[in-house]
C-alpha cells in the first residue's frame, strides 16, 4: 500500500523572524579587505546573528587586523522545504 501526500504549495517569499536572540549557524562567511586584500573569514558558529529574519538581509561585520578596516556584508538566510519520499506500507 502506498500513502499519497497531498499537493503542497511552498511560498518562496518568506519573511519570518526566527525569534532567536543569539542565532548561531554552522556557516563561514568570507570576504576580502578592500584596503589590504587580506582574506577574512567570519564563523557564524562563533559570531551570532541577532533575531534574524528569513528572506531579509542580515549584516555580518568584518574587521581586518592588518589595516584595522571595518565593514559589513549582507547575507540572506533562506529556508527550503521539500517533500519526503513516499512511504511504502507492506
PDB file of N, CA and C in Angstrom:
ATOM      1  N   UNK A   1       0.843  -1.177   0.000  1.00  0.00           N
ATOM      2  CA  UNK A   1       0.000   0.000   0.000  1.00  0.00           C
ATOM      3  C   UNK A   1       0.892   1.245   0.000  1.00  0.00           C
ATOM      4  N   UNK A   2       0.592   2.198  -0.857  1.00  0.00           N
ATOM      5  CA  UNK A   2       1.353   3.433  -0.949  1.00  0.00           C
ATOM      6  C   UNK A   2       0.526   4.588  -0.394  1.00  0.00           C
ATOM      7  N   UNK A   3       1.137   5.364   0.499  1.00  0.00           N
ATOM      8  CA  UNK A   3       0.456   6.526   1.040  1.00  0.00           C
ATOM      9  C   UNK A   3       0.798   7.742   0.172  1.00  0.00           C
ATOM     10  N   UNK A   4      -0.220   8.404  -0.339  1.00  0.00           N
ATOM     11  CA  UNK A   4      -0.012   9.584  -1.182  1.00  0.00           C
ATOM     12  C   UNK A   4      -0.010  10.841  -0.319  1.00  0.00           C
ATOM     13  N   UNK A   5       0.835  11.780  -0.675  1.00  0.00           N
ATOM     14  CA  UNK A   5       0.888  13.056   0.023  1.00  0.00           C
ATOM     15  C   UNK A   5       0.001  14.062  -0.698  1.00  0.00           C
ATOM     16  N   UNK A   6      -0.650  14.953   0.038  1.00  0.00           N
ATOM     17  CA  UNK A   6      -1.460  15.985  -0.623  1.00  0.00           C
ATOM     18  C   UNK A   6      -0.558  16.958  -1.376  1.00  0.00           C
ATOM     19  N   UNK A   7      -1.139  17.671  -2.307  1.00  0.00           N
ATOM     20  CA  UNK A   7      -0.377  18.695  -3.029  1.00  0.00           C
ATOM     21  C   UNK A   7       0.030  19.776  -2.048  1.00  0.00           C
ATOM     22  N   UNK A   8       1.273  20.162  -2.099  1.00  0.00           N
ATOM     23  CA  UNK A   8       1.791  21.169  -1.180  1.00  0.00           C
ATOM     24  C   UNK A   8       2.294  22.348  -1.986  1.00  0.00           C
ATOM     25  N   UNK A   9       1.859  23.532  -1.601  1.00  0.00           N
ATOM     26  CA  UNK A   9       2.356  24.745  -2.232  1.00  0.00           C
ATOM     27  C   UNK A   9       3.314  25.407  -1.261  1.00  0.00           C
ATOM     28  N   UNK A  10       4.506  25.702  -1.728  1.00  0.00           N
ATOM     29  CA  UNK A  10       5.510  26.339  -0.887  1.00  0.00           C
ATOM     30  C   UNK A  10       5.733  27.752  -1.419  1.00  0.00           C
ATOM     31  N   UNK A  11       5.527  28.723  -0.541  1.00  0.00           N
ATOM     32  CA  UNK A  11       5.780  30.110  -0.891  1.00  0.00           C
ATOM     33  C   UNK A  11       7.280  30.350  -0.848  1.00  0.00           C
ATOM     34  N   UNK A  12       7.850  30.843  -1.930  1.00  0.00           N
ATOM     35  CA  UNK A  12       9.282  31.132  -1.948  1.00  0.00           C
ATOM     36  C   UNK A  12       9.625  32.422  -1.230  1.00  0.00           C
ATOM     37  N   UNK A  13       8.637  33.253  -0.979  1.00  0.00           N
ATOM     38  CA  UNK A  13       8.902  34.525  -0.327  1.00  0.00           C
ATOM     39  C   UNK A  13       8.449  34.431   1.113  1.00  0.00           C
ATOM     40  N   UNK A  14       9.387  34.403   2.013  1.00  0.00           N
ATOM     41  CA  UNK A  14       9.077  34.227   3.428  1.00  0.00           C
ATOM     42  C   UNK A  14       9.802  35.303   4.217  1.00  0.00           C
ATOM     43  N   UNK A  15       9.083  36.012   5.058  1.00  0.00           N
ATOM     44  CA  UNK A  15       9.696  36.999   5.944  1.00  0.00           C
ATOM     45  C   UNK A  15       9.283  36.650   7.372  1.00  0.00           C
ATOM     46  N   UNK A  16       9.886  35.612   7.909  1.00  0.00           N
ATOM     47  CA  UNK A  16       9.547  35.178   9.262  1.00  0.00           C
ATOM     48  C   UNK A  16      10.761  35.317  10.152  1.00  0.00           C
ATOM     49  N   UNK A  17      10.576  35.908  11.299  1.00  0.00           N
ATOM     50  CA  UNK A  17      11.653  36.026  12.265  1.00  0.00           C
ATOM     51  C   UNK A  17      11.902  34.665  12.894  1.00  0.00           C
ATOM     52  N   UNK A  18      13.167  34.338  13.098  1.00  0.00           N
ATOM     53  CA  UNK A  18      13.495  33.097  13.771  1.00  0.00           C
ATOM     54  C   UNK A  18      13.276  33.221  15.276  1.00  0.00           C
ATOM     55  N   UNK A  19      13.066  34.433  15.767  1.00  0.00           N
ATOM     56  CA  UNK A  19      12.810  34.714  17.180  1.00  0.00           C
ATOM     57  C   UNK A  19      13.886  34.097  18.073  1.00  0.00           C
ATOM     58  N   UNK A  20      15.130  34.232  17.621  1.00  0.00           N
ATOM     59  CA  UNK A  20      16.273  33.737  18.378  1.00  0.00           C
ATOM     60  C   UNK A  20      17.213  34.912  18.601  1.00  0.00           C
ATOM     61  N   UNK A  21      17.451  35.238  19.869  1.00  0.00           N
ATOM     62  CA  UNK A  21      18.300  36.384  20.183  1.00  0.00           C
ATOM     63  C   UNK A  21      19.726  36.167  19.693  1.00  0.00           C
ATOM     64  N   UNK A  22      20.256  34.984  19.949  1.00  0.00           N
ATOM     65  CA  UNK A  22      21.615  34.669  19.516  1.00  0.00           C
ATOM     66  C   UNK A  22      21.557  33.439  18.613  1.00  0.00           C
ATOM     67  N   UNK A  23      21.475  33.687  17.308  1.00  0.00           N
ATOM     68  CA  UNK A  23      21.328  32.609  16.331  1.00  0.00           C
ATOM     69  C   UNK A  23      22.702  32.232  15.774  1.00  0.00           C
ATOM     70  N   UNK A  24      23.197  31.067  16.206  1.00  0.00           N
ATOM     71  CA  UNK A  24      24.468  30.548  15.714  1.00  0.00           C
ATOM     72  C   UNK A  24      24.187  29.581  14.572  1.00  0.00           C
ATOM     73  N   UNK A  25      24.973  29.693  13.496  1.00  0.00           N
ATOM     74  CA  UNK A  25      24.800  28.832  12.329  1.00  0.00           C
ATOM     75  C   UNK A  25      26.141  28.207  11.958  1.00  0.00           C
ATOM     76  N   UNK A  26      26.165  26.962  11.496  1.00  0.00           N
ATOM     77  CA  UNK A  26      27.422  26.316  11.101  1.00  0.00           C
ATOM     78  C   UNK A  26      27.877  26.768   9.710  1.00  0.00           C
ATOM     79  N   UNK A  27      28.101  28.073   9.575  1.00  0.00           N
ATOM     80  CA  UNK A  27      28.413  28.682   8.274  1.00  0.00           C
ATOM     81  C   UNK A  27      29.583  29.642   8.441  1.00  0.00           C
ATOM     82  N   UNK A  28      30.497  29.647   7.478  1.00  0.00           N
ATOM     83  CA  UNK A  28      31.576  30.644   7.425  1.00  0.00           C
ATOM     84  C   UNK A  28      31.277  31.616   6.301  1.00  0.00           C
ATOM     85  N   UNK A  29      31.455  32.903   6.580  1.00  0.00           N
ATOM     86  CA  UNK A  29      31.304  33.950   5.566  1.00  0.00           C
ATOM     87  C   UNK A  29      32.688  34.541   5.349  1.00  0.00           C
ATOM     88  N   UNK A  30      33.148  34.554   4.101  1.00  0.00           N
ATOM     89  CA  UNK A  30      34.499  35.018   3.777  1.00  0.00           C
ATOM     90  C   UNK A  30      34.428  36.220   2.848  1.00  0.00           C
ATOM     91  N   UNK A  31      35.299  37.198   3.102  1.00  0.00           N
ATOM     92  CA  UNK A  31      35.387  38.370   2.238  1.00  0.00           C
ATOM     93  C   UNK A  31      36.839  38.828   2.194  1.00  0.00           C
ATOM     94  N   UNK A  32      37.129  39.716   1.258  1.00  0.00           N
ATOM     95  CA  UNK A  32      38.473  40.266   1.091  1.00  0.00           C
ATOM     96  C   UNK A  32      38.454  41.727   1.499  1.00  0.00           C
ATOM     97  N   UNK A  33      39.403  42.116   2.324  1.00  0.00           N
ATOM     98  CA  UNK A  33      39.514  43.505   2.765  1.00  0.00           C
ATOM     99  C   UNK A  33      39.790  44.396   1.563  1.00  0.00           C
ATOM    100  N   UNK A  34      39.021  45.460   1.452  1.00  0.00           N
ATOM    101  CA  UNK A  34      39.159  46.371   0.305  1.00  0.00           C
ATOM    102  C   UNK A  34      40.414  47.238   0.393  1.00  0.00           C
ATOM    103  N   UNK A  35      41.018  47.331   1.564  1.00  0.00           N
ATOM    104  CA  UNK A  35      42.214  48.169   1.721  1.00  0.00           C
ATOM    105  C   UNK A  35      43.522  47.397   1.533  1.00  0.00           C
ATOM    106  N   UNK A  36      43.593  46.165   2.077  1.00  0.00           N
ATOM    107  CA  UNK A  36      44.876  45.446   2.024  1.00  0.00           C
ATOM    108  C   UNK A  36      44.783  44.065   1.376  1.00  0.00           C
ATOM    109  N   UNK A  37      43.603  43.691   0.886  1.00  0.00           N
ATOM    110  CA  UNK A  37      43.366  42.404   0.220  1.00  0.00           C
ATOM    111  C   UNK A  37      43.564  41.184   1.126  1.00  0.00           C
ATOM    112  N   UNK A  38      43.511  41.375   2.430  1.00  0.00           N
ATOM    113  CA  UNK A  38      43.595  40.266   3.369  1.00  0.00           C
ATOM    114  C   UNK A  38      42.267  39.496   3.331  1.00  0.00           C
ATOM    115  N   UNK A  39      42.345  38.169   3.327  1.00  0.00           N
ATOM    116  CA  UNK A  39      41.144  37.347   3.327  1.00  0.00           C
ATOM    117  C   UNK A  39      40.692  37.152   4.782  1.00  0.00           C
ATOM    118  N   UNK A  40      39.428  37.501   5.038  1.00  0.00           N
ATOM    119  CA  UNK A  40      38.868  37.410   6.384  1.00  0.00           C
ATOM    120  C   UNK A  40      37.696  36.425   6.350  1.00  0.00           C
ATOM    121  N   UNK A  41      37.683  35.502   7.301  1.00  0.00           N
ATOM    122  CA  UNK A  41      36.578  34.550   7.426  1.00  0.00           C
ATOM    123  C   UNK A  41      35.906  34.751   8.780  1.00  0.00           C
ATOM    124  N   UNK A  42      34.597  34.873   8.760  1.00  0.00           N
ATOM    125  CA  UNK A  42      33.803  35.006   9.979  1.00  0.00           C
ATOM    126  C   UNK A  42      32.978  33.727  10.129  1.00  0.00           C
ATOM    127  N   UNK A  43      33.106  33.090  11.270  1.00  0.00           N
ATOM    128  CA  UNK A  43      32.328  31.885  11.540  1.00  0.00           C
ATOM    129  C   UNK A  43      31.055  32.273  12.287  1.00  0.00           C
ATOM    130  N   UNK A  44      29.908  31.965  11.683  1.00  0.00           N
ATOM    131  CA  UNK A  44      28.643  32.249  12.356  1.00  0.00           C
ATOM    132  C   UNK A  44      28.352  31.199  13.425  1.00  0.00           C
ATOM    133  N   UNK A  45      29.266  30.258  13.581  1.00  0.00           N
ATOM    134  CA  UNK A  45      29.213  29.321  14.693  1.00  0.00           C
ATOM    135  C   UNK A  45      29.775  29.983  15.957  1.00  0.00           C
ATOM    136  N   UNK A  46      30.608  31.007  15.760  1.00  0.00           N
ATOM    137  CA  UNK A  46      31.200  31.771  16.870  1.00  0.00           C
ATOM    138  C   UNK A  46      30.559  33.142  17.029  1.00  0.00           C
ATOM    139  N   UNK A  47      30.235  33.778  15.910  1.00  0.00           N
ATOM    140  CA  UNK A  47      29.614  35.112  15.902  1.00  0.00           C
ATOM    141  C   UNK A  47      28.147  34.936  15.519  1.00  0.00           C
ATOM    142  N   UNK A  48      27.254  35.408  16.347  1.00  0.00           N
ATOM    143  CA  UNK A  48      25.831  35.137  16.135  1.00  0.00           C
ATOM    144  C   UNK A  48      25.124  36.262  15.385  1.00  0.00           C
ATOM    145  N   UNK A  49      23.970  35.928  14.812  1.00  0.00           N
ATOM    146  CA  UNK A  49      23.039  36.896  14.257  1.00  0.00           C
ATOM    147  C   UNK A  49      21.961  37.118  15.308  1.00  0.00           C
ATOM    148  N   UNK A  50      21.526  38.349  15.460  1.00  0.00           N
ATOM    149  CA  UNK A  50      20.529  38.659  16.479  1.00  0.00           C
ATOM    150  C   UNK A  50      19.153  38.820  15.844  1.00  0.00           C
ATOM    151  N   UNK A  51      18.218  37.971  16.238  1.00  0.00           N
ATOM    152  CA  UNK A  51      16.847  37.956  15.725  1.00  0.00           C
ATOM    153  C   UNK A  51      16.807  38.052  14.191  1.00  0.00           C
ATOM    154  N   UNK A  52      17.476  37.142  13.487  1.00  0.00           N
ATOM    155  CA  UNK A  52      17.464  37.203  12.021  1.00  0.00           C
ATOM    156  C   UNK A  52      16.074  36.924  11.453  1.00  0.00           C
ATOM    157  N   UNK A  53      15.814  37.519  10.291  1.00  0.00           N
ATOM    158  CA  UNK A  53      14.543  37.331   9.596  1.00  0.00           C
ATOM    159  C   UNK A  53      14.828  36.586   8.294  1.00  0.00           C
ATOM    160  N   UNK A  54      14.142  35.465   8.090  1.00  0.00           N
ATOM    161  CA  UNK A  54      14.326  34.677   6.879  1.00  0.00           C
ATOM    162  C   UNK A  54      13.907  35.505   5.668  1.00  0.00           C
ATOM    163  N   UNK A  55      14.756  35.551   4.661  1.00  0.00           N
ATOM    164  CA  UNK A  55      14.451  36.258   3.424  1.00  0.00           C
ATOM    165  C   UNK A  55      14.842  37.730   3.426  1.00  0.00           C
ATOM    166  N   UNK A  56      15.372  38.224   4.532  1.00  0.00           N
ATOM    167  CA  UNK A  56      15.780  39.631   4.614  1.00  0.00           C
ATOM    168  C   UNK A  56      17.294  39.702   4.818  1.00  0.00           C
ATOM    169  N   UNK A  57      17.888  40.808   4.394  1.00  0.00           N
ATOM    170  CA  UNK A  57      19.332  40.995   4.535  1.00  0.00           C
ATOM    171  C   UNK A  57      19.716  41.092   6.011  1.00  0.00           C
ATOM    172  N   UNK A  58      20.763  40.363   6.372  1.00  0.00           N
ATOM    173  CA  UNK A  58      21.309  40.385   7.726  1.00  0.00           C
ATOM    174  C   UNK A  58      22.787  40.761   7.623  1.00  0.00           C
ATOM    175  N   UNK A  59      23.222  41.790   8.353  1.00  0.00           N
ATOM    176  CA  UNK A  59      24.622  42.200   8.249  1.00  0.00           C
ATOM    177  C   UNK A  59      25.574  41.283   9.021  1.00  0.00           C
ATOM    178  N   UNK A  60      26.712  40.998   8.407  1.00  0.00           N
ATOM    179  CA  UNK A  60      27.810  40.304   9.068  1.00  0.00           C
ATOM    180  C   UNK A  60      28.966  41.289   9.097  1.00  0.00           C
ATOM    181  N   UNK A  61      29.467  41.576  10.288  1.00  0.00           N
ATOM    182  CA  UNK A  61      30.528  42.587  10.449  1.00  0.00           C
ATOM    183  C   UNK A  61      31.906  41.955  10.347  1.00  0.00           C
ATOM    184  N   UNK A  62      32.770  42.623   9.589  1.00  0.00           N
ATOM    185  CA  UNK A  62      34.147  42.190   9.394  1.00  0.00           C
ATOM    186  C   UNK A  62      35.103  43.217   9.988  1.00  0.00           C
ATOM    187  N   UNK A  63      36.255  42.725  10.453  1.00  0.00           N
ATOM    188  CA  UNK A  63      37.328  43.593  10.934  1.00  0.00           C
ATOM    189  C   UNK A  63      38.646  42.999  10.482  1.00  0.00           C
ATOM    190  N   UNK A  64      39.472  43.826   9.864  1.00  0.00           N
ATOM    191  CA  UNK A  64      40.780  43.386   9.388  1.00  0.00           C
ATOM    192  C   UNK A  64      41.840  43.775  10.418  1.00  0.00           C
ATOM    193  N   UNK A  65      42.517  42.761  10.956  1.00  0.00           N
ATOM    194  CA  UNK A  65      43.580  43.012  11.928  1.00  0.00           C
ATOM    195  C   UNK A  65      44.790  43.682  11.295  1.00  0.00           C
ATOM    196  N   UNK A  66      45.014  43.472   9.995  1.00  0.00           N
ATOM    197  CA  UNK A  66      46.182  44.051   9.319  1.00  0.00           C
ATOM    198  C   UNK A  66      46.102  45.564   9.195  1.00  0.00           C
ATOM    199  N   UNK A  67      44.939  46.068   8.754  1.00  0.00           N
ATOM    200  CA  UNK A  67      44.837  47.508   8.474  1.00  0.00           C
ATOM    201  C   UNK A  67      43.735  48.202   9.276  1.00  0.00           C
ATOM    202  N   UNK A  68      43.068  47.462  10.139  1.00  0.00           N
ATOM    203  CA  UNK A  68      42.007  47.993  11.020  1.00  0.00           C
ATOM    204  C   UNK A  68      40.782  48.505  10.260  1.00  0.00           C
ATOM    205  N   UNK A  69      40.567  47.962   9.092  1.00  0.00           N
ATOM    206  CA  UNK A  69      39.390  48.311   8.297  1.00  0.00           C
ATOM    207  C   UNK A  69      38.176  47.557   8.849  1.00  0.00           C
ATOM    208  N   UNK A  70      37.021  48.213   8.879  1.00  0.00           N
ATOM    209  CA  UNK A  70      35.778  47.592   9.312  1.00  0.00           C
ATOM    210  C   UNK A  70      34.733  47.741   8.214  1.00  0.00           C
ATOM    211  N   UNK A  71      33.922  46.699   7.991  1.00  0.00           N
ATOM    212  CA  UNK A  71      32.855  46.761   7.007  1.00  0.00           C
ATOM    213  C   UNK A  71      31.812  45.688   7.290  1.00  0.00           C
ATOM    214  N   UNK A  72      30.673  45.819   6.673  1.00  0.00           N
ATOM    215  CA  UNK A  72      29.593  44.845   6.791  1.00  0.00           C
ATOM    216  C   UNK A  72      29.307  44.216   5.438  1.00  0.00           C
ATOM    217  N   UNK A  73      28.909  42.961   5.461  1.00  0.00           N
ATOM    218  CA  UNK A  73      28.444  42.247   4.278  1.00  0.00           C
ATOM    219  C   UNK A  73      27.058  41.707   4.613  1.00  0.00           C
ATOM    220  N   UNK A  74      26.091  41.928   3.730  1.00  0.00           N
ATOM    221  CA  UNK A  74      24.742  41.435   3.960  1.00  0.00           C
ATOM    222  C   UNK A  74      24.613  40.011   3.437  1.00  0.00           C
ATOM    223  N   UNK A  75      24.005  39.152   4.263  1.00  0.00           N
ATOM    224  CA  UNK A  75      23.670  37.798   3.839  1.00  0.00           C
ATOM    225  C   UNK A  75      22.157  37.634   3.963  1.00  0.00           C
ATOM    226  N   UNK A  76      21.615  36.666   3.270  1.00  0.00           N
ATOM    227  CA  UNK A  76      20.189  36.360   3.360  1.00  0.00           C
ATOM    228  C   UNK A  76      20.045  34.896   3.757  1.00  0.00           C
ATOM    229  N   UNK A  77      19.305  34.667   4.823  1.00  0.00           N
ATOM    230  CA  UNK A  77      19.021  33.299   5.269  1.00  0.00           C
ATOM    231  C   UNK A  77      17.772  32.835   4.522  1.00  0.00           C
ATOM    232  N   UNK A  78      17.879  31.692   3.879  1.00  0.00           N
ATOM    233  CA  UNK A  78      16.712  31.141   3.186  1.00  0.00           C
ATOM    234  C   UNK A  78      16.370  29.796   3.814  1.00  0.00           C
ATOM    235  N   UNK A  79      15.125  29.434   3.674  1.00  0.00           N
ATOM    236  CA  UNK A  79      14.631  28.197   4.254  1.00  0.00           C
ATOM    237  C   UNK A  79      14.009  27.373   3.142  1.00  0.00           C
ATOM    238  N   UNK A  80      14.412  26.119   3.030  1.00  0.00           N
ATOM    239  CA  UNK A  80      13.873  25.260   1.980  1.00  0.00           C
ATOM    240  C   UNK A  80      12.989  24.169   2.570  1.00  0.00           C
ATOM    241  N   UNK A  81      11.946  23.848   1.861  1.00  0.00           N
ATOM    242  CA  UNK A  81      11.036  22.780   2.263  1.00  0.00           C
ATOM    243  C   UNK A  81      10.808  21.873   1.067  1.00  0.00           C
ATOM    244  N   UNK A  82      10.928  20.579   1.290  1.00  0.00           N
ATOM    245  CA  UNK A  82      10.640  19.617   0.226  1.00  0.00           C
ATOM    246  C   UNK A  82       9.920  18.424   0.843  1.00  0.00           C
ATOM    247  N   UNK A  83       9.243  17.690   0.011  1.00  0.00           N
ATOM    248  CA  UNK A  83       8.504  16.518   0.476  1.00  0.00           C
ATOM    249  C   UNK A  83       9.462  15.338   0.630  1.00  0.00           C
ATOM    250  N   UNK A  84       9.210  14.536   1.637  1.00  0.00           N
ATOM    251  CA  UNK A  84       9.975  13.316   1.832  1.00  0.00           C
ATOM    252  C   UNK A  84       9.496  12.278   0.814  1.00  0.00           C
ATOM    253  N   UNK A  85      10.257  11.227   0.657  1.00  0.00           N
ATOM    254  CA  UNK A  85       9.832  10.169  -0.262  1.00  0.00           C
ATOM    255  C   UNK A  85       8.550   9.525   0.225  1.00  0.00           C
ATOM    256  N   UNK A  86       7.813   8.949  -0.688  1.00  0.00           N
ATOM    257  CA  UNK A  86       6.577   8.276  -0.335  1.00  0.00           C
ATOM    258  C   UNK A  86       6.873   7.079   0.566  1.00  0.00           C
ATOM    259  N   UNK A  87       5.985   6.824   1.503  1.00  0.00           N
ATOM    260  CA  UNK A  87       6.134   5.714   2.433  1.00  0.00           C
ATOM    261  C   UNK A  87       5.461   4.479   1.848  1.00  0.00           C
ATOM    262  N   UNK A  88       6.164   3.373   1.823  1.00  0.00           N
ATOM    263  CA  UNK A  88       5.621   2.109   1.316  1.00  0.00           C
ATOM    264  C   UNK A  88       5.205   1.248   2.517  1.00  0.00           C
ATOM    265  N   UNK A  89       3.914   0.964   2.631  1.00  0.00           N
ATOM    266  CA  UNK A  89       3.402   0.061   3.667  1.00  0.00           C
ATOM    267  C   UNK A  89       3.329  -1.349   3.085  1.00  0.00           C
ATOM    268  N   UNK A  90       3.748  -2.322   3.868  1.00  0.00           N
ATOM    269  CA  UNK A  90       3.713  -3.710   3.381  1.00  0.00           C
ATOM    270  C   UNK A  90       2.553  -4.446   3.995  1.00  0.00           C
TER     271      UNK A  90
END
